[in-house]
Amino acid sequence: MNRTEKKDSIAAMTESIGTVTDAFVIDFQGISVPQVTELRKQLRESNSQYVVVKNTLALIAIKGKPLEALNEQFSGPTAIAWSEDPVGLAKLLTKFAKDTPALKFKGALLDGEAIPVEKIDQIASLPSREELIAKLAYLLNSPIQGLVNVLNANIRNLAVVLDQISKQKSDATAE
């Protein structure tokens, strides 16, 4: 790789991973080509990105960027995966790593902060963004639903009483 190719590669990496604040640094040594192809397919389907990097060029590209917090992890075969949904990506990568033991996490970056490898399983066990939004909507709706039920109770009780009076009167007239 000549100097201009390196410059172009650094510029491309800076553009793609330079602004990333949520990423996973992965050791992919020992993974077969079909397994990597399957991983890339799954990542594409989840709107995630995956790139294999040359460590020396990547270190130059991430200098002064959030991903620099993981600069010690850039040794040996290194790939970076990132997404707008880090919890979903953690779930996908953790599941893939269980099926493919050769895939190993080197580190993670969440909201610009380095996360130890041991915490990645905890991140993967978090509910997804959609689940959290649904739970929040339920919690916000619950008091309102309770108020509606309380307000409707009087009307419902009145309707039941009127219905029973009507039945009593119809029974009395039938006798």
Protein backbone atom coordinates (compact mmCIF):
# COMPACT_ATOMS: atom_id res chain seq x y z
CA MET A 1 0.00 0.00 0.00
CA ASN A 2 1.60 3.27 -1.09
CA ARG A 3 1.33 6.60 0.67
CA THR A 4 -1.65 7.94 -1.30
CA GLU A 5 -3.60 4.70 -0.79
CA LYS A 6 -2.92 4.95 2.95
CA LYS A 7 -4.08 8.57 2.97
CA ASP A 8 -7.25 7.62 1.11
CA SER A 9 -7.84 4.71 3.47
CA ILE A 10 -7.36 6.93 6.54
CA ALA A 11 -9.75 9.53 5.09
CA ALA A 12 -12.38 6.87 4.39
CA MET A 13 -12.02 5.44 7.91
CA THR A 14 -12.17 8.89 9.48
CA GLU A 15 -15.39 9.53 7.58
CA SER A 16 -16.99 6.20 8.45
CA ILE A 17 -15.84 5.55 12.06
CA GLY A 18 -14.73 9.03 13.06
CA THR A 19 -18.07 10.15 14.46
CA VAL A 20 -19.11 6.80 15.94
CA THR A 21 -20.01 6.98 19.65
CA ASP A 22 -21.47 3.45 19.97
CA ALA A 23 -19.26 0.66 18.64
CA PHE A 24 -17.88 -2.79 19.32
CA VAL A 25 -14.29 -3.75 18.60
CA ILE A 26 -14.09 -7.39 17.61
CA ASP A 27 -11.40 -10.02 17.15
CA PHE A 28 -12.47 -12.11 14.17
CA GLN A 29 -9.48 -14.45 13.96
CA GLY A 30 -10.55 -18.02 13.22
CA ILE A 31 -13.90 -17.15 11.65
CA SER A 32 -14.53 -18.77 8.29
CA VAL A 33 -15.57 -16.81 5.22
CA PRO A 34 -19.15 -18.18 5.25
CA GLN A 35 -19.48 -17.18 8.91
CA VAL A 36 -18.25 -13.63 8.19
CA THR A 37 -20.63 -13.45 5.24
CA GLU A 38 -23.53 -14.48 7.50
CA LEU A 39 -22.46 -11.93 10.12
CA ARG A 40 -22.33 -9.16 7.52
CA LYS A 41 -25.77 -10.19 6.24
CA GLN A 42 -27.27 -10.06 9.74
CA LEU A 43 -25.62 -6.70 10.41
CA ARG A 44 -26.96 -5.27 7.13
CA GLU A 45 -30.47 -6.43 8.02
CA SER A 46 -30.23 -4.63 11.36
CA ASN A 47 -28.93 -1.40 9.75
CA SER A 48 -25.53 -1.85 11.36
CA GLN A 49 -22.09 -1.33 9.89
CA TYR A 50 -19.08 -3.65 10.01
CA VAL A 51 -15.59 -2.95 8.79
CA VAL A 52 -12.28 -4.77 9.10
CA VAL A 53 -9.51 -2.27 9.79
CA LYS A 54 -5.77 -2.10 9.54
CA ASN A 55 -4.76 -1.19 13.08
CA THR A 56 -2.06 1.40 12.33
CA LEU A 57 -4.31 3.27 9.89
CA ALA A 58 -7.32 3.00 12.20
CA LEU A 59 -5.35 4.48 15.10
CA ILE A 60 -4.50 7.47 12.93
CA ALA A 61 -8.12 7.79 11.76
CA ILE A 62 -9.59 7.75 15.29
CA LYS A 63 -7.09 10.14 16.83
CA GLY A 64 -9.05 12.82 18.67
CA LYS A 65 -12.34 10.97 18.04
CA PRO A 66 -14.57 9.13 20.56
CA LEU A 67 -13.31 5.72 19.41
CA GLU A 68 -9.81 6.70 20.56
CA ALA A 69 -10.86 5.54 24.05
CA LEU A 70 -10.40 1.97 22.74
CA ASN A 71 -7.02 2.50 21.07
CA GLU A 72 -5.42 -0.24 23.22
CA GLN A 73 -7.77 -2.77 21.63
CA PHE A 74 -6.38 -2.21 18.14
CA SER A 75 -3.96 -5.11 17.97
CA GLY A 76 -4.23 -8.32 16.01
CA PRO A 77 -7.14 -8.92 13.63
CA THR A 78 -9.61 -6.12 14.34
CA ALA A 79 -13.07 -5.29 13.08
CA ILE A 80 -15.44 -2.56 14.20
CA ALA A 81 -19.23 -2.88 14.28
CA TRP A 82 -21.49 0.08 14.99
CA SER A 83 -25.13 1.03 14.82
CA GLU A 84 -27.67 3.63 15.85
CA ASP A 85 -29.14 0.96 18.16
CA PRO A 86 -26.23 -0.27 20.31
CA VAL A 87 -28.41 -2.59 22.41
CA GLY A 88 -29.77 -4.32 19.32
CA LEU A 89 -26.26 -4.61 17.92
CA ALA A 90 -24.98 -6.03 21.22
CA LYS A 91 -27.78 -8.63 21.15
CA LEU A 92 -26.96 -9.60 17.57
CA LEU A 93 -23.20 -9.82 18.15
CA THR A 94 -23.57 -11.70 21.45
CA LYS A 95 -25.89 -14.25 19.85
CA PHE A 96 -23.51 -14.64 16.91
CA ALA A 97 -20.54 -15.02 19.30
CA LYS A 98 -22.37 -17.83 21.13
CA ASP A 99 -22.93 -19.63 17.83
CA THR A 100 -19.41 -18.83 16.61
CA PRO A 101 -16.96 -19.02 19.54
CA ALA A 102 -14.09 -17.70 17.39
CA LEU A 103 -15.68 -14.23 17.46
CA LYS A 104 -14.42 -12.38 20.53
CA PHE A 105 -15.12 -8.91 21.82
CA LYS A 106 -12.10 -6.71 22.45
CA GLY A 107 -14.02 -3.74 23.79
CA ALA A 108 -17.06 -1.52 23.40
CA LEU A 109 -17.87 2.15 23.25
CA LEU A 110 -21.25 3.43 24.45
CA ASP A 111 -22.12 7.11 24.33
CA GLY A 112 -18.43 7.84 23.82
CA GLU A 113 -17.30 5.93 26.92
CA ALA A 114 -15.22 2.75 26.92
CA ILE A 115 -17.08 -0.25 28.34
CA PRO A 116 -15.29 -3.36 29.65
CA VAL A 117 -15.81 -6.57 27.69
CA GLU A 118 -17.51 -8.19 30.70
CA LYS A 119 -20.36 -5.64 30.52
CA ILE A 120 -21.31 -6.47 26.91
CA ASP A 121 -23.53 -9.37 28.03
CA GLN A 122 -25.34 -7.00 30.39
CA ILE A 123 -25.86 -4.52 27.55
CA ALA A 124 -27.22 -7.32 25.35
CA SER A 125 -29.73 -8.29 28.06
CA LEU A 126 -31.23 -4.78 28.17
CA PRO A 127 -34.64 -4.31 26.55
CA SER A 128 -34.59 -2.79 23.08
CA ARG A 129 -35.49 0.83 22.46
CA GLU A 130 -38.91 -0.16 21.13
CA GLU A 131 -39.62 -2.25 24.25
CA LEU A 132 -38.66 0.67 26.50
CA ILE A 133 -40.89 3.06 24.55
CA ALA A 134 -43.80 0.60 24.81
CA LYS A 135 -43.28 0.26 28.58
CA LEU A 136 -43.11 4.04 28.96
CA ALA A 137 -46.30 4.48 26.93
CA TYR A 138 -48.03 1.88 29.11
CA LEU A 139 -46.86 3.59 32.30
CA LEU A 140 -48.01 6.98 31.03
CA ASN A 141 -51.37 5.56 29.93
CA SER A 142 -52.03 3.60 33.13
CA PRO A 143 -53.08 6.52 35.42
CA ILE A 144 -55.27 7.99 32.68
CA GLN A 145 -56.94 4.60 32.12
CA GLY A 146 -57.54 4.31 35.86
CA LEU A 147 -59.17 7.76 35.94
CA VAL A 148 -61.41 6.86 33.02
CA ASN A 149 -62.47 3.64 34.78
CA VAL A 150 -63.28 5.55 38.00
CA LEU A 151 -65.29 8.18 36.12
CA ASN A 152 -67.15 5.52 34.14
CA ALA A 153 -67.90 3.51 37.29
CA ASN A 154 -70.61 5.93 38.44
CA ILE A 155 -72.28 5.91 35.05
CA ARG A 156 -72.00 2.13 34.84
CA ASN A 157 -73.43 1.73 38.37
CA LEU A 158 -76.31 4.07 37.52
CA ALA A 159 -77.06 2.04 34.39
CA VAL A 160 -77.08 -1.21 36.41
CA VAL A 161 -79.43 0.29 39.03
CA LEU A 162 -81.78 1.64 36.36
CA ASP A 163 -81.75 -1.74 34.62
CA GLN A 164 -82.65 -3.54 37.85
CA ILE A 165 -85.45 -1.04 38.61
CA SER A 166 -86.77 -1.59 35.11
CA LYS A 167 -86.71 -5.39 35.62
CA GLN A 168 -88.48 -5.05 38.99
CA LYS A 169 -91.20 -2.87 37.48
CA SER A 170 -91.66 -5.24 34.54
CA ASP A 171 -91.84 -8.19 36.97
CA ALA A 172 -94.35 -6.29 39.14
CA THR A 173 -96.57 -5.47 36.13
CA ALA A 174 -96.37 -9.05 34.90
CA GLU A 175 -97.80 -10.38 38.20
